[in-house]
Amino acid sequence: MVVMEALQKIRPAWITRISNHLAKGEGIRQTFQAQLNEFYDLLIQAVETGNPEWLNTILDQWAHSTTLTDPDDQEITVEPILEQMALLMYEVACENLDNLEALQLLGSVLPVFTYALGYSSQVEIHLQVSQLLDKQERSRISLERLDKSKSDFIAIAAHELKTPLTLIEGYSAMLRDRSKDNNGNSHNSILIKGIENGTQRLRQIVDDMIDVSMIDNQLLDLNYQPIWLNRLLEMIQHEFRETISERHLGFILRPFPGLQEMTFGDEERLYQALRNVISNAIKYTPDGGTISVDGRTLPGFVEIIVADTGIGIDPEDHARIFEKFGGLGESSRHSSGKTKFRGGGPGLGLPITKGILEAHGGAIWVESEYYDEVKCPGSKFHILLPLQKQPPDEKMAKLFRSSVETGELKDPYR
């Protein structure tokens, strides 16, 4: 009873003191005093019943009001307010009560304030975490929209470029035919050849943009056929034979387990994927360097390793090179040829390769210690491809099943 009387006795002084201390401005102070009176009523109930949960309602309100601010702004919490309340409760009690009354009052209210501090901290942490998760979700949705916009732009740009590109190809072919009919001079032939080379390069870029768009929208259709990896790699080696010779590069295709084993996949797409990786190795290996292809078999998979003695890749860029337009370095330092040292490109080859391999159920990753154009630490690209003894499509599986079971399905080029 003494404690309850003491609480009522110091109430006006405590509310005035705390409102003057925390609230600036007469209008704000009046609003704050109303909240303080509500708090004080609940504090009395908590002390009288011995149940500090009476304060939960107002503590929830205060915690929600402090977490409405942006979490990136300066932190505002209920904790310092409650600490000031407890401190001023001590000062007012000492000024207005005798020592025994002040001691009894503080002994009753301090456990309530301790509970209030713990409870409000938990509520605020929960609200802040929820707010951060909401912000993260909004950021994720925004990034997804941005990525979709980029994909839509690529698809539309590629579609719009195809028509004028076809016209240029058609007219350049007509010019070449007319030049032949008129026994055209070498100067005209050189000009026409330049136009054809440019349109061919642009055609490759447009095709890459279309492939990226198909991969992003999960529209990449695979035509499963029996394939032999050695055949694909030998074809790629033959394609780059002239470039390898001109740049005095070494190209080593080592025999490895699984190289001559038959598997099912989309031959054209896998050729494209392997070609992109090897082309990349050629582009970033200085003249006189070496590109090697090795591998091994794993349970259910074959791993192909394309290693080079090139300029390497910083570890922080290992993931970036597989992103759309993720080309590294300054574009101004790229050479104009696709297979010359540091040959330029839009940065779509490796993302397309990643999409093709993942569509087959495979994967690709890179190993490289660091980037250095002088020391040339090199890079290793690991390509993981499933060994499939039959195509996933049931109709195709029925077509090839007897040949696979009897062992009649062999490399036609061997």
Protein backbone atom coordinates (compact mmCIF):
# COMPACT_ATOMS: atom_id res chain seq x y z
CA MET A 1 0.00 0.00 0.00
CA VAL A 2 2.89 2.33 0.81
CA VAL A 3 4.34 1.77 -2.66
CA MET A 4 1.04 2.54 -4.41
CA GLU A 5 0.65 5.76 -2.43
CA ALA A 6 4.23 6.71 -3.25
CA LEU A 7 3.65 6.11 -6.97
CA GLN A 8 0.59 8.38 -6.92
CA LYS A 9 2.48 11.01 -4.92
CA ILE A 10 5.38 11.39 -7.37
CA ARG A 11 3.29 10.96 -10.53
CA PRO A 12 2.83 14.65 -11.46
CA ALA A 13 6.48 15.50 -10.81
CA TRP A 14 7.77 12.47 -12.77
CA ILE A 15 5.53 13.11 -15.79
CA THR A 16 6.52 16.79 -15.90
CA ARG A 17 10.22 15.95 -15.51
CA ILE A 18 10.32 13.23 -18.15
CA SER A 19 8.19 15.17 -20.66
CA ASN A 20 10.41 18.26 -20.32
CA HIS A 21 13.50 16.10 -20.67
CA LEU A 22 12.47 14.09 -23.73
CA ALA A 23 9.89 16.21 -25.61
CA LYS A 24 10.81 19.48 -27.32
CA GLY A 25 7.99 21.88 -28.10
CA GLU A 26 4.71 22.48 -26.32
CA GLY A 27 2.54 20.55 -28.81
CA ILE A 28 4.80 17.52 -28.78
CA ARG A 29 5.04 17.69 -24.97
CA GLN A 30 1.26 17.54 -24.54
CA THR A 31 0.98 14.49 -26.81
CA PHE A 32 3.87 12.84 -25.02
CA GLN A 33 2.33 13.55 -21.60
CA ALA A 34 -0.82 11.68 -22.67
CA GLN A 35 1.31 8.65 -23.53
CA LEU A 36 3.23 8.99 -20.26
CA ASN A 37 -0.02 9.00 -18.29
CA GLU A 38 -1.10 5.85 -20.11
CA PHE A 39 2.28 4.29 -19.35
CA TYR A 40 2.06 5.29 -15.70
CA ASP A 41 -1.42 3.75 -15.33
CA LEU A 42 -0.10 0.48 -16.72
CA LEU A 43 2.99 0.72 -14.51
CA ILE A 44 0.75 1.00 -11.43
CA GLN A 45 -1.22 -2.07 -12.60
CA ALA A 46 2.01 -4.00 -13.14
CA VAL A 47 3.35 -3.13 -9.69
CA GLU A 48 0.02 -3.82 -7.97
CA THR A 49 -0.50 -7.23 -9.63
CA GLY A 50 3.16 -8.22 -9.84
CA ASN A 51 2.70 -8.85 -13.57
CA PRO A 52 4.90 -6.59 -15.77
CA GLU A 53 3.10 -7.79 -18.92
CA TRP A 54 0.58 -5.02 -18.35
CA LEU A 55 3.09 -2.78 -20.14
CA ASN A 56 3.16 -4.90 -23.30
CA THR A 57 0.47 -2.91 -25.12
CA ILE A 58 2.17 0.47 -24.91
CA LEU A 59 5.63 -1.02 -25.40
CA ASP A 60 4.41 -2.61 -28.65
CA GLN A 61 3.12 0.78 -29.81
CA TRP A 62 6.41 2.50 -29.05
CA ALA A 63 8.48 -0.25 -30.66
CA HIS A 64 6.40 -0.09 -33.85
CA SER A 65 6.75 3.69 -34.01
CA THR A 66 10.56 3.55 -33.71
CA THR A 67 10.94 0.88 -36.43
CA LEU A 68 8.85 2.79 -38.98
CA THR A 69 12.01 4.70 -39.91
CA ASP A 70 14.38 3.46 -42.62
CA PRO A 71 16.73 0.85 -41.10
CA ASP A 72 19.62 2.59 -42.90
CA ASP A 73 18.95 5.79 -40.94
CA GLN A 74 20.31 6.46 -37.47
CA GLU A 75 19.01 3.85 -35.05
CA ILE A 76 16.10 4.93 -32.81
CA THR A 77 15.00 2.55 -30.04
CA VAL A 78 12.77 2.49 -26.96
CA GLU A 79 15.66 1.40 -24.73
CA PRO A 80 17.17 4.88 -24.03
CA ILE A 81 13.69 6.26 -23.32
CA LEU A 82 13.00 3.55 -20.73
CA GLU A 83 16.44 4.10 -19.21
CA GLN A 84 15.71 7.83 -18.83
CA MET A 85 12.31 6.97 -17.31
CA ALA A 86 13.92 4.73 -14.71
CA LEU A 87 16.66 7.26 -13.94
CA LEU A 88 14.23 10.13 -13.51
CA MET A 89 11.97 7.89 -11.41
CA TYR A 90 14.94 7.49 -9.04
CA GLU A 91 15.64 11.24 -8.98
CA VAL A 92 12.01 12.24 -8.38
CA ALA A 93 11.57 9.56 -5.68
CA CYS A 94 14.66 10.76 -3.82
CA GLU A 95 13.45 14.38 -4.01
CA ASN A 96 9.83 13.78 -2.96
CA LEU A 97 9.92 10.72 -0.65
CA ASP A 98 11.80 9.77 2.48
CA ASN A 99 14.54 7.21 2.17
CA LEU A 100 12.42 4.20 3.17
CA GLU A 101 9.56 5.09 0.82
CA ALA A 102 11.99 5.76 -2.05
CA LEU A 103 13.76 2.44 -1.44
CA GLN A 104 10.48 0.49 -1.36
CA LEU A 105 9.20 2.19 -4.50
CA LEU A 106 12.40 1.61 -6.45
CA GLY A 107 12.49 -2.01 -5.33
CA SER A 108 9.00 -2.46 -6.83
CA VAL A 109 9.38 -0.54 -10.10
CA LEU A 110 12.92 -1.48 -11.16
CA PRO A 111 12.02 -5.14 -11.95
CA VAL A 112 9.16 -3.79 -14.09
CA PHE A 113 11.53 -1.48 -15.97
CA THR A 114 14.00 -4.34 -16.40
CA TYR A 115 11.25 -6.46 -17.95
CA ALA A 116 10.20 -3.52 -20.15
CA LEU A 117 13.76 -3.11 -21.46
CA GLY A 118 14.06 -6.79 -22.35
CA TYR A 119 10.61 -7.03 -23.90
CA SER A 120 10.92 -3.87 -26.01
CA SER A 121 14.36 -4.97 -27.26
CA GLN A 122 12.96 -8.31 -28.42
CA VAL A 123 10.00 -6.65 -30.14
CA GLU A 124 12.22 -4.11 -31.88
CA ILE A 125 14.67 -6.77 -33.08
CA HIS A 126 11.80 -8.83 -34.46
CA LEU A 127 10.32 -5.79 -36.21
CA GLN A 128 13.68 -4.68 -37.63
CA VAL A 129 14.42 -8.15 -38.96
CA SER A 130 10.97 -8.28 -40.53
CA GLN A 131 11.50 -4.83 -42.06
CA LEU A 132 14.91 -5.82 -43.46
CA LEU A 133 13.44 -9.01 -44.92
CA ASP A 134 10.67 -6.96 -46.55
CA LYS A 135 13.25 -4.58 -47.98
CA GLN A 136 15.33 -7.50 -49.23
CA GLU A 137 12.27 -9.01 -50.88
CA ARG A 138 11.45 -5.71 -52.56
CA SER A 139 15.05 -5.50 -53.80
CA ARG A 140 14.84 -9.06 -55.12
CA ILE A 141 11.63 -8.28 -57.00
CA SER A 142 13.17 -5.09 -58.38
CA LEU A 143 16.27 -7.00 -59.57
CA GLU A 144 14.08 -9.67 -61.17
CA ARG A 145 12.15 -6.96 -63.02
CA LEU A 146 15.40 -5.35 -64.12
CA ASP A 147 16.80 -8.68 -65.32
CA LYS A 148 13.55 -9.39 -67.18
CA SER A 149 13.73 -5.96 -68.79
CA LYS A 150 17.28 -6.72 -69.91
CA SER A 151 16.18 -10.08 -71.31
CA ASP A 152 13.23 -8.47 -73.10
CA PHE A 153 15.51 -5.81 -74.53
CA ILE A 154 17.96 -8.45 -75.80
CA ALA A 155 15.13 -10.43 -77.42
CA ILE A 156 13.57 -7.37 -79.06
CA ALA A 157 16.92 -5.97 -80.20
CA ALA A 158 17.95 -9.31 -81.71
CA HIS A 159 14.61 -9.64 -83.50
CA GLU A 160 14.76 -6.09 -84.86
CA LEU A 161 18.37 -6.52 -86.04
CA LYS A 162 17.65 -9.67 -88.00
CA THR A 163 15.62 -7.95 -90.75
CA PRO A 164 18.13 -5.22 -91.74
CA LEU A 165 20.95 -7.75 -91.33
CA THR A 166 19.26 -10.10 -93.78
CA LEU A 167 18.89 -7.22 -96.23
CA ILE A 168 22.59 -6.35 -95.96
CA GLU A 169 23.55 -9.99 -96.49
CA GLY A 170 21.27 -10.23 -99.51
CA TYR A 171 22.51 -7.05 -101.17
CA SER A 172 26.16 -7.92 -100.53
CA ALA A 173 25.58 -11.31 -102.18
CA MET A 174 24.01 -9.54 -105.16
CA LEU A 175 26.99 -7.18 -105.38
CA ARG A 176 29.39 -10.10 -105.35
CA ASP A 177 27.44 -11.90 -108.10
CA ARG A 178 27.31 -8.73 -110.21
CA SER A 179 31.02 -8.18 -109.65
CA LYS A 180 31.74 -11.70 -110.92
CA ASP A 181 29.51 -11.21 -113.95
CA ASN A 182 31.32 -8.00 -114.82
CA ASN A 183 34.77 -9.44 -114.11
CA GLY A 184 34.96 -7.09 -111.17
CA ASN A 185 38.26 -5.66 -110.04
CA SER A 186 40.04 -6.72 -106.89
CA HIS A 187 39.26 -3.43 -105.14
CA ASN A 188 35.51 -4.07 -105.31
CA SER A 189 36.04 -7.66 -104.16
CA ILE A 190 37.92 -6.42 -101.11
CA LEU A 191 35.11 -3.99 -100.24
CA ILE A 192 32.45 -6.65 -100.66
CA LYS A 193 34.50 -9.09 -98.59
CA GLY A 194 34.69 -6.48 -95.82
CA ILE A 195 30.91 -6.06 -95.85
CA GLU A 196 30.42 -9.83 -95.69
CA ASN A 197 32.88 -10.21 -92.82
CA GLY A 198 31.13 -7.45 -90.90
CA THR A 199 27.68 -8.91 -91.45
CA GLN A 200 28.92 -12.36 -90.49
CA ARG A 201 30.29 -11.00 -87.21
CA LEU A 202 27.03 -9.12 -86.57
CA ARG A 203 25.06 -12.28 -87.39
CA GLN A 204 27.03 -14.18 -84.71
CA ILE A 205 26.28 -11.47 -82.16
CA VAL A 206 22.56 -11.50 -83.01
CA ASP A 207 22.50 -15.30 -82.78
CA ASP A 208 24.19 -15.10 -79.36
CA MET A 209 21.61 -12.56 -78.21
CA ILE A 210 18.81 -14.87 -79.32
CA ASP A 211 20.44 -17.80 -77.51
CA VAL A 212 20.76 -15.78 -74.30
CA SER A 213 17.11 -14.75 -74.55
CA MET A 214 16.06 -18.39 -75.03
CA ILE A 215 18.14 -19.50 -72.05
CA ASP A 216 16.76 -16.72 -69.82
CA ASN A 217 13.20 -17.68 -70.73
CA GLN A 218 13.90 -21.43 -70.48
CA LEU A 219 13.02 -21.95 -74.13
CA LEU A 220 16.20 -23.73 -75.18
CA ASP A 221 15.14 -26.94 -76.94
CA LEU A 222 17.69 -29.74 -77.11
CA ASN A 223 17.79 -32.27 -79.91
CA TYR A 224 19.30 -35.36 -78.30
CA GLN A 225 21.44 -37.51 -80.57
CA PRO A 226 24.33 -39.94 -80.01
CA ILE A 227 27.57 -37.94 -79.68
CA TRP A 228 31.24 -38.65 -79.13
CA LEU A 229 33.24 -35.97 -77.33
CA ASN A 230 36.44 -36.77 -79.19
CA ARG A 231 34.67 -35.99 -82.45
CA LEU A 232 33.45 -32.60 -81.20
CA LEU A 233 36.86 -31.64 -79.82
CA GLU A 234 38.67 -32.69 -82.98
CA MET A 235 36.27 -30.60 -85.07
CA ILE A 236 36.93 -27.57 -82.85
CA GLN A 237 40.68 -28.15 -83.09
CA HIS A 238 40.40 -28.28 -86.87
CA GLU A 239 38.32 -25.06 -86.94
CA PHE A 240 40.97 -23.13 -85.00
CA ARG A 241 43.91 -24.75 -86.76
CA GLU A 242 44.76 -21.64 -88.79
CA THR A 243 44.52 -19.31 -85.78
CA ILE A 244 46.62 -21.66 -83.65
CA SER A 245 49.29 -21.74 -86.35
CA GLU A 246 49.28 -17.96 -86.93
CA ARG A 247 49.66 -17.20 -83.24
CA HIS A 248 52.15 -20.02 -82.59
CA LEU A 249 49.94 -21.55 -79.93
CA GLY A 250 50.22 -25.10 -78.69
CA PHE A 251 46.99 -27.10 -78.67
CA ILE A 252 47.13 -30.43 -76.85
CA LEU A 253 44.17 -32.83 -76.84
CA ARG A 254 45.09 -35.52 -74.35
CA PRO A 255 43.35 -38.92 -74.43
CA PHE A 256 41.32 -39.35 -71.25
CA PRO A 257 38.69 -41.81 -69.95
CA GLY A 258 35.30 -40.97 -71.44
CA LEU A 259 36.73 -39.11 -74.45
CA GLN A 260 35.63 -41.80 -76.91
CA GLU A 261 32.56 -42.92 -74.98
CA MET A 262 29.16 -42.46 -76.58
CA THR A 263 26.60 -40.30 -74.80
CA PHE A 264 23.38 -38.56 -75.75
CA GLY A 265 23.15 -34.80 -76.10
CA ASP A 266 22.49 -31.99 -78.50
CA GLU A 267 25.57 -32.18 -80.74
CA GLU A 268 25.21 -28.68 -82.18
CA ARG A 269 24.69 -27.05 -78.79
CA LEU A 270 27.50 -28.96 -77.08
CA TYR A 271 29.81 -28.09 -79.95
CA GLN A 272 28.84 -24.45 -79.41
CA ALA A 273 29.51 -24.70 -75.66
CA LEU A 274 32.91 -26.39 -76.02
CA ARG A 275 33.87 -24.03 -78.82
CA ASN A 276 33.08 -21.00 -76.66
CA VAL A 277 35.33 -22.24 -73.86
CA ILE A 278 38.24 -23.09 -76.17
CA SER A 279 37.79 -19.83 -78.10
CA ASN A 280 37.95 -18.00 -74.79
CA ALA A 281 41.18 -19.80 -73.88
CA ILE A 282 42.68 -18.81 -77.26
CA LYS A 283 41.61 -15.17 -76.87
CA TYR A 284 43.22 -14.71 -73.47
CA THR A 285 46.42 -16.67 -74.06
CA PRO A 286 49.31 -14.60 -75.46
CA ASP A 287 50.99 -15.70 -78.69
CA GLY A 288 53.25 -18.67 -78.07
CA GLY A 289 51.15 -20.00 -75.18
CA THR A 290 49.48 -23.38 -74.79
CA ILE A 291 45.88 -24.61 -74.56
CA SER A 292 45.33 -28.17 -73.37
CA VAL A 293 42.21 -30.31 -73.12
CA ASP A 294 42.14 -33.14 -70.60
CA GLY A 295 39.51 -34.85 -68.49
CA ARG A 296 38.32 -37.80 -66.47
CA THR A 297 35.21 -39.84 -65.76
CA LEU A 298 33.19 -39.51 -62.58
CA PRO A 299 30.20 -41.62 -61.51
CA GLY A 300 27.60 -40.77 -64.17
CA PHE A 301 29.59 -37.85 -65.56
CA VAL A 302 32.55 -36.96 -67.72
CA GLU A 303 34.66 -33.95 -66.76
CA ILE A 304 36.42 -31.98 -69.48
CA ILE A 305 39.20 -29.63 -68.37
CA VAL A 306 40.30 -26.82 -70.69
CA ALA A 307 43.51 -25.27 -69.37
CA ASP A 308 45.50 -22.35 -70.79
CA THR A 309 48.64 -20.36 -70.05
CA GLY A 310 46.79 -17.08 -70.37
CA ILE A 311 46.43 -13.94 -68.31
CA GLY A 312 44.21 -15.55 -65.66
CA ILE A 313 41.09 -14.34 -63.84
CA ASP A 314 40.80 -12.72 -60.42
CA PRO A 315 38.89 -14.96 -57.96
CA GLU A 316 36.34 -12.18 -57.38
CA ASP A 317 35.46 -12.35 -61.09
CA HIS A 318 34.98 -16.14 -61.29
CA ALA A 319 31.19 -15.84 -61.06
CA ARG A 320 30.92 -12.61 -63.05
CA ILE A 321 32.32 -14.10 -66.28
CA PHE A 322 29.27 -16.38 -66.49
CA GLU A 323 26.86 -13.42 -66.32
CA LYS A 324 25.42 -11.68 -69.38
CA PHE A 325 27.75 -8.98 -70.72
CA GLY A 326 30.19 -9.92 -67.98
CA GLY A 327 33.32 -9.34 -70.06
CA LEU A 328 36.32 -8.26 -67.99
CA GLY A 329 38.82 -5.50 -68.57
CA GLU A 330 38.58 -2.30 -70.56
CA SER A 331 36.81 -2.72 -73.90
CA SER A 332 39.18 -0.16 -75.43
CA ARG A 333 42.03 -2.64 -74.98
CA HIS A 334 40.26 -5.46 -76.84
CA SER A 335 41.52 -6.33 -80.30
CA SER A 336 39.12 -6.35 -83.22
CA GLY A 337 39.46 -10.07 -84.01
CA LYS A 338 37.53 -12.70 -82.10
CA THR A 339 40.50 -15.07 -81.84
CA LYS A 340 43.33 -12.55 -81.59
CA PHE A 341 44.90 -11.95 -78.19
CA ARG A 342 42.32 -10.14 -76.01
CA GLY A 343 39.80 -10.41 -78.84
CA GLY A 344 36.65 -8.42 -78.18
CA GLY A 345 33.12 -9.65 -77.75
CA PRO A 346 29.82 -8.75 -76.05
CA GLY A 347 30.43 -11.14 -73.13
CA LEU A 348 27.77 -13.70 -74.05
CA GLY A 349 29.83 -16.78 -74.88
CA LEU A 350 30.34 -18.14 -71.36
CA PRO A 351 26.76 -17.36 -70.18
CA ILE A 352 25.47 -19.27 -73.23
CA THR A 353 27.85 -22.14 -72.48
CA LYS A 354 26.62 -22.25 -68.87
CA GLY A 355 22.99 -22.29 -70.04
CA ILE A 356 23.61 -25.09 -72.56
CA LEU A 357 25.45 -27.27 -70.06
CA GLU A 358 22.87 -26.73 -67.31
CA ALA A 359 20.11 -27.60 -69.80
CA HIS A 360 21.94 -30.93 -70.28
CA GLY A 361 22.14 -31.42 -66.50
CA GLY A 362 25.80 -30.39 -66.39
CA ALA A 363 27.83 -27.53 -64.98
CA ILE A 364 30.85 -25.32 -65.59
CA TRP A 365 33.24 -23.50 -63.27
CA VAL A 366 36.69 -21.94 -63.46
CA GLU A 367 39.91 -22.14 -61.48
CA SER A 368 42.45 -19.31 -61.63
CA GLU A 369 44.67 -17.93 -58.90
CA TYR A 370 44.89 -14.34 -60.10
CA TYR A 371 45.02 -12.01 -63.10
CA ASP A 372 48.40 -10.93 -64.48
CA GLU A 373 49.21 -10.08 -68.09
CA VAL A 374 52.94 -10.49 -67.49
CA LYS A 375 53.21 -13.62 -65.33
CA CYS A 376 50.22 -15.29 -67.05
CA PRO A 377 49.05 -17.67 -64.30
CA GLY A 378 46.51 -19.29 -66.65
CA SER A 379 43.02 -20.62 -66.09
CA LYS A 380 41.28 -23.99 -65.94
CA PHE A 381 37.67 -24.37 -67.03
CA HIS A 382 35.94 -27.49 -65.70
CA ILE A 383 33.01 -28.78 -67.76
CA LEU A 384 30.84 -31.45 -66.16
CA LEU A 385 28.59 -33.36 -68.56
CA PRO A 386 26.26 -36.28 -67.73
CA LEU A 387 26.96 -39.59 -69.46
CA GLN A 388 23.50 -40.50 -70.75
CA LYS A 389 23.01 -43.90 -72.35
CA GLN A 390 19.63 -42.93 -73.71
CA PRO A 391 17.92 -39.64 -74.53
CA PRO A 392 15.43 -38.24 -71.98
CA ASP A 393 12.68 -38.15 -74.61
CA GLU A 394 10.82 -41.50 -74.63
CA LYS A 395 10.23 -41.49 -78.39
CA MET A 396 13.92 -40.93 -79.09
CA ALA A 397 14.81 -43.53 -76.47
CA LYS A 398 12.68 -46.16 -78.26
CA LEU A 399 14.32 -45.26 -81.56
CA PHE A 400 17.86 -45.83 -80.27
CA ARG A 401 17.21 -48.48 -77.60
CA SER A 402 17.92 -51.55 -79.73
CA SER A 403 21.12 -50.07 -81.16
CA VAL A 404 22.39 -49.16 -77.70
CA GLU A 405 21.56 -52.57 -76.21
CA THR A 406 23.23 -54.48 -79.04
CA GLY A 407 26.28 -52.23 -79.08
CA GLU A 408 25.75 -51.37 -82.74
CA LEU A 409 25.79 -47.65 -82.09
CA LYS A 410 29.34 -46.57 -82.93
CA ASP A 411 31.11 -43.43 -84.01
CA PRO A 412 30.42 -43.26 -87.78
CA TYR A 413 33.68 -41.41 -88.32
CA ARG A 414 35.83 -44.19 -86.81
